[in-house]
Amino acid sequence: MSLQELKEKAYQLSVSDRLALISAVIQSLQNPPQFEDWQYLVSRPHAWRKQLYVKGHKLLASTVWQDMVTNQLSPEQAAENWNLPLFAIDEVIQYCESHQEILKLEADEERYRLEVKGVSIESTNVA
């Protein structure tokens, strides 16, 4: 259906139906659909953090992923370590690998906030 045909059909609606249609269009533009449908990851309200959490836990996806990378854990080992289903670990990996920019921005923000508070963030690795 062309835009012109759509406009003509809209003009055939009553004024209240046109207003309802406009309202629905505006609502859909304000809340765009999520393109990623995660089963084990959810968003949570936070002042500046936008990355996803593991559903049912106060656990950032990046925390699990960084633990895996740092400790060279397999997905199976991470699932056992965090007491999560293997499918949840698979989602964490997929999410974190495809959202590196947001993870880096949030890590930078957290580092900045710690520095402002005077918290030392230098590495304490002992050789």
N, C-alpha and C. Protein backbone atom coordinates (compact mmCIF):
# COMPACT_ATOMS: atom_id res chain seq x y z
N MET A 1 0.86 -1.17 0.00
CA MET A 1 0.00 0.00 0.00
C MET A 1 0.91 1.23 0.00
N SER A 2 0.59 2.18 -0.89
CA SER A 2 1.39 3.40 -0.98
C SER A 2 1.01 4.36 0.15
N LEU A 3 1.86 5.34 0.36
CA LEU A 3 1.58 6.35 1.38
C LEU A 3 0.30 7.11 1.05
N GLN A 4 0.10 7.40 -0.23
CA GLN A 4 -1.11 8.11 -0.65
C GLN A 4 -2.36 7.29 -0.33
N GLU A 5 -2.33 6.00 -0.60
CA GLU A 5 -3.47 5.13 -0.30
C GLU A 5 -3.72 5.06 1.21
N LEU A 6 -2.64 5.03 1.97
CA LEU A 6 -2.77 5.00 3.42
C LEU A 6 -3.40 6.30 3.93
N LYS A 7 -2.98 7.43 3.37
CA LYS A 7 -3.56 8.72 3.77
C LYS A 7 -5.05 8.76 3.45
N GLU A 8 -5.42 8.27 2.27
CA GLU A 8 -6.83 8.27 1.88
C GLU A 8 -7.67 7.41 2.81
N LYS A 9 -7.14 6.26 3.21
CA LYS A 9 -7.87 5.40 4.15
C LYS A 9 -7.99 6.08 5.51
N ALA A 10 -6.93 6.78 5.93
CA ALA A 10 -6.96 7.48 7.22
C ALA A 10 -8.03 8.57 7.21
N TYR A 11 -8.17 9.27 6.08
CA TYR A 11 -9.18 10.32 6.00
C TYR A 11 -10.60 9.77 6.06
N GLN A 12 -10.78 8.50 5.77
CA GLN A 12 -12.09 7.88 5.84
C GLN A 12 -12.49 7.54 7.27
N LEU A 13 -11.51 7.56 8.17
CA LEU A 13 -11.78 7.27 9.58
C LEU A 13 -12.45 8.46 10.25
N SER A 14 -13.14 8.18 11.32
CA SER A 14 -13.71 9.27 12.11
C SER A 14 -12.57 10.03 12.77
N VAL A 15 -12.86 11.23 13.24
CA VAL A 15 -11.85 12.06 13.89
C VAL A 15 -11.25 11.34 15.10
N SER A 16 -12.09 10.71 15.91
CA SER A 16 -11.58 10.02 17.10
C SER A 16 -10.70 8.84 16.71
N ASP A 17 -11.07 8.11 15.63
CA ASP A 17 -10.24 7.00 15.17
C ASP A 17 -8.91 7.49 14.60
N ARG A 18 -8.94 8.64 13.91
CA ARG A 18 -7.69 9.22 13.40
C ARG A 18 -6.78 9.62 14.55
N LEU A 19 -7.36 10.21 15.59
CA LEU A 19 -6.56 10.59 16.76
C LEU A 19 -5.96 9.36 17.44
N ALA A 20 -6.75 8.30 17.52
CA ALA A 20 -6.25 7.06 18.12
C ALA A 20 -5.12 6.48 17.28
N LEU A 21 -5.25 6.54 15.97
CA LEU A 21 -4.21 6.06 15.07
C LEU A 21 -2.93 6.89 15.22
N ILE A 22 -3.08 8.19 15.25
CA ILE A 22 -1.92 9.08 15.44
C ILE A 22 -1.25 8.80 16.78
N SER A 23 -2.05 8.63 17.81
CA SER A 23 -1.51 8.32 19.13
C SER A 23 -0.74 7.01 19.11
N ALA A 24 -1.27 6.01 18.43
CA ALA A 24 -0.59 4.71 18.34
C ALA A 24 0.73 4.83 17.59
N VAL A 25 0.74 5.61 16.52
CA VAL A 25 1.97 5.81 15.75
C VAL A 25 3.02 6.52 16.61
N ILE A 26 2.61 7.57 17.31
CA ILE A 26 3.54 8.29 18.18
C ILE A 26 4.09 7.37 19.26
N GLN A 27 3.22 6.57 19.87
CA GLN A 27 3.65 5.64 20.91
C GLN A 27 4.66 4.65 20.37
N SER A 28 4.42 4.13 19.16
CA SER A 28 5.36 3.16 18.59
C SER A 28 6.70 3.80 18.27
N LEU A 29 6.70 5.07 17.91
CA LEU A 29 7.96 5.77 17.65
C LEU A 29 8.72 6.08 18.93
N GLN A 30 8.01 6.33 20.01
CA GLN A 30 8.66 6.62 21.29
C GLN A 30 9.24 5.37 21.93
N ASN A 31 8.64 4.23 21.69
CA ASN A 31 9.11 2.97 22.25
C ASN A 31 9.41 2.00 21.12
N PRO A 32 10.56 2.19 20.45
CA PRO A 32 10.86 1.31 19.33
C PRO A 32 11.00 -0.13 19.81
N PRO A 33 10.62 -1.09 18.98
CA PRO A 33 10.73 -2.49 19.38
C PRO A 33 12.18 -2.89 19.58
N GLN A 34 12.41 -3.81 20.50
CA GLN A 34 13.74 -4.33 20.73
C GLN A 34 14.06 -5.33 19.62
N PHE A 35 15.23 -5.17 19.02
CA PHE A 35 15.61 -6.08 17.95
C PHE A 35 16.24 -7.36 18.51
N GLU A 36 16.68 -7.27 19.75
CA GLU A 36 17.29 -8.44 20.37
C GLU A 36 16.32 -8.97 21.42
N ASP A 37 16.05 -10.21 21.32
CA ASP A 37 15.12 -10.83 22.26
C ASP A 37 15.91 -11.79 23.13
N TRP A 38 16.30 -11.31 24.30
CA TRP A 38 17.12 -12.11 25.20
C TRP A 38 16.22 -12.87 26.16
N GLN A 39 16.54 -14.12 26.38
CA GLN A 39 15.77 -14.93 27.31
C GLN A 39 16.32 -14.80 28.73
N TYR A 40 17.62 -14.65 28.88
CA TYR A 40 18.26 -14.65 30.19
C TYR A 40 18.83 -13.29 30.60
N LEU A 41 18.71 -12.29 29.74
CA LEU A 41 19.25 -10.97 30.02
C LEU A 41 18.13 -9.94 30.04
N VAL A 42 18.23 -8.97 30.96
CA VAL A 42 17.20 -7.94 31.09
C VAL A 42 17.86 -6.59 31.36
N SER A 43 17.14 -5.53 31.04
CA SER A 43 17.62 -4.19 31.40
C SER A 43 17.04 -3.83 32.76
N ARG A 44 17.73 -2.96 33.45
CA ARG A 44 17.27 -2.48 34.75
C ARG A 44 17.45 -0.99 34.79
N PRO A 45 16.56 -0.30 35.51
CA PRO A 45 16.72 1.15 35.61
C PRO A 45 17.99 1.49 36.38
N HIS A 46 18.77 2.41 35.83
CA HIS A 46 20.00 2.85 36.47
C HIS A 46 20.31 4.24 35.94
N ALA A 47 20.91 5.06 36.77
CA ALA A 47 21.19 6.45 36.39
C ALA A 47 22.06 6.55 35.14
N TRP A 48 23.06 5.70 35.01
CA TRP A 48 23.93 5.81 33.84
C TRP A 48 24.27 4.47 33.21
N ARG A 49 24.02 3.38 33.87
CA ARG A 49 24.36 2.07 33.33
C ARG A 49 23.23 1.60 32.40
N LYS A 50 23.60 1.19 31.19
CA LYS A 50 22.60 0.75 30.22
C LYS A 50 22.77 -0.70 29.80
N GLN A 51 23.88 -1.33 30.18
CA GLN A 51 24.08 -2.71 29.78
C GLN A 51 23.09 -3.64 30.49
N LEU A 52 22.98 -4.84 29.99
CA LEU A 52 22.00 -5.79 30.51
C LEU A 52 22.54 -6.57 31.70
N TYR A 53 21.60 -7.06 32.49
CA TYR A 53 21.88 -7.88 33.67
C TYR A 53 21.39 -9.30 33.41
N VAL A 54 21.92 -10.24 34.17
CA VAL A 54 21.41 -11.61 34.13
C VAL A 54 20.08 -11.61 34.87
N LYS A 55 19.06 -12.10 34.20
CA LYS A 55 17.71 -12.10 34.75
C LYS A 55 17.67 -12.84 36.09
N GLY A 56 17.02 -12.22 37.09
CA GLY A 56 16.87 -12.83 38.40
C GLY A 56 18.07 -12.66 39.31
N HIS A 57 19.07 -11.91 38.85
CA HIS A 57 20.29 -11.70 39.63
C HIS A 57 20.69 -10.23 39.55
N LYS A 58 21.36 -9.74 40.57
CA LYS A 58 21.95 -8.40 40.51
C LYS A 58 23.36 -8.56 39.94
N LEU A 59 23.42 -9.01 38.71
CA LEU A 59 24.66 -9.42 38.10
C LEU A 59 24.74 -8.90 36.67
N LEU A 60 25.72 -8.02 36.43
CA LEU A 60 25.92 -7.50 35.09
C LEU A 60 26.42 -8.60 34.17
N ALA A 61 25.95 -8.59 32.94
CA ALA A 61 26.44 -9.56 31.96
C ALA A 61 27.95 -9.43 31.81
N SER A 62 28.46 -8.22 31.85
CA SER A 62 29.90 -8.02 31.67
C SER A 62 30.71 -8.61 32.81
N THR A 63 30.14 -8.70 34.00
CA THR A 63 30.86 -9.30 35.13
C THR A 63 31.13 -10.78 34.86
N VAL A 64 30.13 -11.47 34.37
CA VAL A 64 30.28 -12.89 34.04
C VAL A 64 31.30 -13.05 32.91
N TRP A 65 31.15 -12.22 31.89
CA TRP A 65 32.02 -12.32 30.72
C TRP A 65 33.47 -12.01 31.07
N GLN A 66 33.69 -10.94 31.87
CA GLN A 66 35.06 -10.59 32.27
C GLN A 66 35.67 -11.70 33.14
N ASP A 67 34.87 -12.32 33.98
CA ASP A 67 35.35 -13.44 34.80
C ASP A 67 35.79 -14.59 33.89
N MET A 68 35.01 -14.86 32.86
CA MET A 68 35.36 -15.92 31.93
C MET A 68 36.67 -15.64 31.23
N VAL A 69 36.81 -14.41 30.75
CA VAL A 69 38.02 -14.03 30.01
C VAL A 69 39.23 -14.03 30.94
N THR A 70 39.10 -13.38 32.09
CA THR A 70 40.22 -13.26 33.03
C THR A 70 40.70 -14.62 33.52
N ASN A 71 39.77 -15.49 33.86
CA ASN A 71 40.11 -16.80 34.42
C ASN A 71 40.13 -17.92 33.39
N GLN A 72 40.01 -17.55 32.12
CA GLN A 72 40.04 -18.51 31.01
C GLN A 72 39.08 -19.68 31.25
N LEU A 73 37.83 -19.32 31.59
CA LEU A 73 36.82 -20.33 31.86
C LEU A 73 36.09 -20.70 30.58
N SER A 74 35.77 -21.96 30.45
CA SER A 74 34.91 -22.39 29.35
C SER A 74 33.48 -21.98 29.70
N PRO A 75 32.59 -21.97 28.73
CA PRO A 75 31.19 -21.68 29.07
C PRO A 75 30.63 -22.63 30.12
N GLU A 76 31.00 -23.89 30.05
CA GLU A 76 30.53 -24.87 31.03
C GLU A 76 31.05 -24.54 32.43
N GLN A 77 32.32 -24.15 32.52
CA GLN A 77 32.90 -23.80 33.81
C GLN A 77 32.24 -22.53 34.37
N ALA A 78 31.98 -21.56 33.50
CA ALA A 78 31.33 -20.33 33.95
C ALA A 78 29.91 -20.62 34.44
N ALA A 79 29.21 -21.48 33.72
CA ALA A 79 27.84 -21.84 34.13
C ALA A 79 27.86 -22.47 35.52
N GLU A 80 28.83 -23.33 35.76
CA GLU A 80 28.94 -23.97 37.07
C GLU A 80 29.36 -22.94 38.13
N ASN A 81 30.34 -22.11 37.79
CA ASN A 81 30.85 -21.11 38.73
C ASN A 81 29.78 -20.13 39.16
N TRP A 82 28.95 -19.68 38.22
CA TRP A 82 27.92 -18.67 38.51
C TRP A 82 26.56 -19.30 38.79
N ASN A 83 26.48 -20.60 38.73
CA ASN A 83 25.22 -21.31 38.96
C ASN A 83 24.13 -20.81 38.01
N LEU A 84 24.49 -20.78 36.72
CA LEU A 84 23.58 -20.32 35.67
C LEU A 84 23.45 -21.40 34.60
N PRO A 85 22.33 -21.41 33.89
CA PRO A 85 22.20 -22.35 32.78
C PRO A 85 23.23 -22.04 31.69
N LEU A 86 23.66 -23.03 30.99
CA LEU A 86 24.63 -22.85 29.92
C LEU A 86 24.08 -21.89 28.85
N PHE A 87 22.78 -21.94 28.60
CA PHE A 87 22.18 -21.02 27.62
C PHE A 87 22.31 -19.57 28.07
N ALA A 88 22.26 -19.32 29.38
CA ALA A 88 22.45 -17.96 29.89
C ALA A 88 23.88 -17.50 29.62
N ILE A 89 24.83 -18.38 29.82
CA ILE A 89 26.23 -18.04 29.54
C ILE A 89 26.42 -17.76 28.06
N ASP A 90 25.79 -18.56 27.21
CA ASP A 90 25.86 -18.32 25.77
C ASP A 90 25.32 -16.94 25.41
N GLU A 91 24.23 -16.53 26.04
CA GLU A 91 23.67 -15.20 25.80
C GLU A 91 24.62 -14.11 26.29
N VAL A 92 25.21 -14.32 27.47
CA VAL A 92 26.16 -13.35 28.02
C VAL A 92 27.30 -13.14 27.02
N ILE A 93 27.85 -14.23 26.51
CA ILE A 93 28.96 -14.14 25.55
C ILE A 93 28.52 -13.39 24.30
N GLN A 94 27.39 -13.79 23.76
CA GLN A 94 26.89 -13.15 22.54
C GLN A 94 26.64 -11.66 22.77
N TYR A 95 26.01 -11.33 23.88
CA TYR A 95 25.71 -9.93 24.19
C TYR A 95 26.99 -9.12 24.35
N CYS A 96 27.90 -9.60 25.17
CA CYS A 96 29.11 -8.83 25.48
C CYS A 96 30.00 -8.67 24.25
N GLU A 97 30.09 -9.70 23.43
CA GLU A 97 30.92 -9.60 22.23
C GLU A 97 30.31 -8.67 21.19
N SER A 98 29.00 -8.53 21.19
CA SER A 98 28.36 -7.67 20.19
C SER A 98 28.06 -6.26 20.72
N HIS A 99 28.37 -6.00 22.00
CA HIS A 99 28.11 -4.68 22.59
C HIS A 99 29.35 -4.12 23.29
N GLN A 100 30.50 -4.30 22.65
CA GLN A 100 31.77 -3.85 23.23
C GLN A 100 31.79 -2.35 23.50
N GLU A 101 31.18 -1.57 22.65
CA GLU A 101 31.22 -0.11 22.81
C GLU A 101 30.54 0.33 24.11
N ILE A 102 29.36 -0.20 24.38
CA ILE A 102 28.66 0.19 25.61
C ILE A 102 29.41 -0.31 26.84
N LEU A 103 30.00 -1.50 26.76
CA LEU A 103 30.77 -2.02 27.90
C LEU A 103 31.99 -1.14 28.17
N LYS A 104 32.65 -0.70 27.11
CA LYS A 104 33.82 0.18 27.28
C LYS A 104 33.41 1.53 27.86
N LEU A 105 32.33 2.09 27.34
CA LEU A 105 31.87 3.39 27.85
C LEU A 105 31.51 3.30 29.33
N GLU A 106 30.85 2.23 29.73
CA GLU A 106 30.47 2.08 31.13
C GLU A 106 31.68 1.81 32.02
N ALA A 107 32.65 1.07 31.52
CA ALA A 107 33.87 0.83 32.29
C ALA A 107 34.62 2.15 32.49
N ASP A 108 34.68 2.98 31.45
CA ASP A 108 35.33 4.28 31.56
C ASP A 108 34.59 5.17 32.56
N GLU A 109 33.27 5.15 32.51
CA GLU A 109 32.46 5.95 33.44
C GLU A 109 32.70 5.49 34.88
N GLU A 110 32.72 4.18 35.10
CA GLU A 110 32.94 3.66 36.45
C GLU A 110 34.34 4.02 36.95
N ARG A 111 35.32 3.90 36.08
CA ARG A 111 36.70 4.27 36.44
C ARG A 111 36.75 5.75 36.84
N TYR A 112 36.11 6.61 36.05
CA TYR A 112 36.09 8.04 36.34
C TYR A 112 35.43 8.30 37.70
N ARG A 113 34.29 7.67 37.96
CA ARG A 113 33.59 7.88 39.22
C ARG A 113 34.41 7.41 40.42
N LEU A 114 35.14 6.32 40.25
CA LEU A 114 36.02 5.86 41.33
C LEU A 114 37.17 6.84 41.57
N GLU A 115 37.75 7.35 40.49
CA GLU A 115 38.84 8.32 40.62
C GLU A 115 38.37 9.58 41.33
N VAL A 116 37.17 10.05 41.01
CA VAL A 116 36.61 11.24 41.64
C VAL A 116 36.46 11.02 43.15
N LYS A 117 36.13 9.79 43.52
CA LYS A 117 35.97 9.46 44.95
C LYS A 117 37.30 9.20 45.64
N GLY A 118 38.40 9.20 44.85
CA GLY A 118 39.70 8.96 45.43
C GLY A 118 40.08 7.50 45.57
N VAL A 119 39.34 6.63 44.91
CA VAL A 119 39.62 5.20 44.99
C VAL A 119 40.74 4.87 44.00
N SER A 120 41.78 4.20 44.49
CA SER A 120 42.89 3.81 43.63
C SER A 120 42.46 2.68 42.71
N ILE A 121 42.75 2.81 41.43
CA ILE A 121 42.36 1.78 40.49
C ILE A 121 43.57 1.19 39.78
N GLU A 122 44.76 1.43 40.32
CA GLU A 122 45.96 0.87 39.74
C GLU A 122 45.99 -0.63 39.95
N SER A 123 46.61 -1.32 39.00
CA SER A 123 46.70 -2.77 39.08
C SER A 123 47.53 -3.18 40.28
N THR A 124 47.07 -4.23 40.94
CA THR A 124 47.80 -4.74 42.11
C THR A 124 48.30 -6.15 41.83
N ASN A 125 48.58 -6.45 40.54
CA ASN A 125 49.06 -7.78 40.19
C ASN A 125 50.41 -8.04 40.85
N VAL A 126 50.53 -9.19 41.46
CA VAL A 126 51.79 -9.59 42.09
C VAL A 126 52.40 -10.67 41.23
N ALA A 127 53.64 -10.44 40.80
CA ALA A 127 54.30 -11.41 39.91
C ALA A 127 54.96 -12.51 40.69
